Amino acid sequence: MSPLQSILEKYRSTSQSEREKGSYFEELIRTYFRYEATYADLYSDVWLYTSDSN
């Protein structure tokens, strides 16, 4: 199993809801965009989705 698969499996097994899974995934992707050399210079800020219905 790849490291990404391991992370996603942990998110699936520990999340209490679909929204929580999504939040974990958003944080993962935001961190990737901020620190991956290919993308770090392209994105000055990465925003997370917020839902007013929560």
Protein backbone atom coordinates (compact mmCIF):
# COMPACT_ATOMS: atom_id res chain seq x y z
CA MET A 1 0.00 0.00 0.00
CA SER A 2 1.35 3.44 -0.92
CA PRO A 3 1.74 6.19 1.68
CA LEU A 4 -1.18 8.09 0.11
CA GLN A 5 -3.39 5.01 0.27
CA SER A 6 -2.45 4.57 3.94
CA ILE A 7 -3.36 8.16 4.76
CA LEU A 8 -6.69 7.94 2.94
CA GLU A 9 -7.53 4.65 4.63
CA LYS A 10 -6.84 6.20 8.02
CA TYR A 11 -9.13 9.12 7.15
CA ARG A 12 -11.87 6.68 6.12
CA SER A 13 -11.58 4.58 9.26
CA THR A 14 -11.42 7.44 11.78
CA SER A 15 -13.95 9.88 10.30
CA GLN A 16 -17.33 10.19 11.95
CA SER A 17 -19.01 11.59 8.83
CA GLU A 18 -18.56 12.19 5.12
CA ARG A 19 -17.94 15.88 5.87
CA GLU A 20 -15.14 14.99 8.26
CA LYS A 21 -13.54 12.82 5.57
CA GLY A 22 -13.77 15.75 3.19
CA SER A 23 -12.21 18.11 5.70
CA TYR A 24 -9.27 15.78 6.25
CA PHE A 25 -8.79 15.48 2.50
CA GLU A 26 -8.96 19.26 2.01
CA GLU A 27 -6.26 19.77 4.64
CA LEU A 28 -4.08 17.14 2.96
CA ILE A 29 -4.39 18.80 -0.45
CA ARG A 30 -3.86 22.28 0.98
CA THR A 31 -0.66 21.12 2.64
CA TYR A 32 0.47 19.48 -0.60
CA PHE A 33 -0.09 22.67 -2.62
CA ARG A 34 1.70 24.80 -0.04
CA TYR A 35 4.84 22.68 0.25
CA GLU A 36 5.24 20.70 -2.98
CA ALA A 37 7.93 22.55 -4.95
CA THR A 38 5.97 22.28 -8.20
CA TYR A 39 2.96 24.12 -6.78
CA ALA A 40 4.28 26.23 -3.89
CA ASP A 41 5.19 29.17 -6.15
CA LEU A 42 1.90 28.98 -8.05
CA TYR A 43 -0.48 29.32 -5.12
CA SER A 44 -0.06 32.11 -2.58
CA ASP A 45 -3.01 30.91 -0.54
CA VAL A 46 -5.22 27.84 -0.62
CA TRP A 47 -8.67 28.21 0.87
CA LEU A 48 -10.77 25.45 2.35
CA TYR A 49 -14.41 24.96 1.45
CA THR A 50 -16.84 26.15 4.10
CA SER A 51 -20.50 25.30 4.16
CA ASP A 52 -22.98 27.69 5.72
CA SER A 53 -25.37 24.79 6.33
CA ASN A 54 -23.14 23.27 9.07
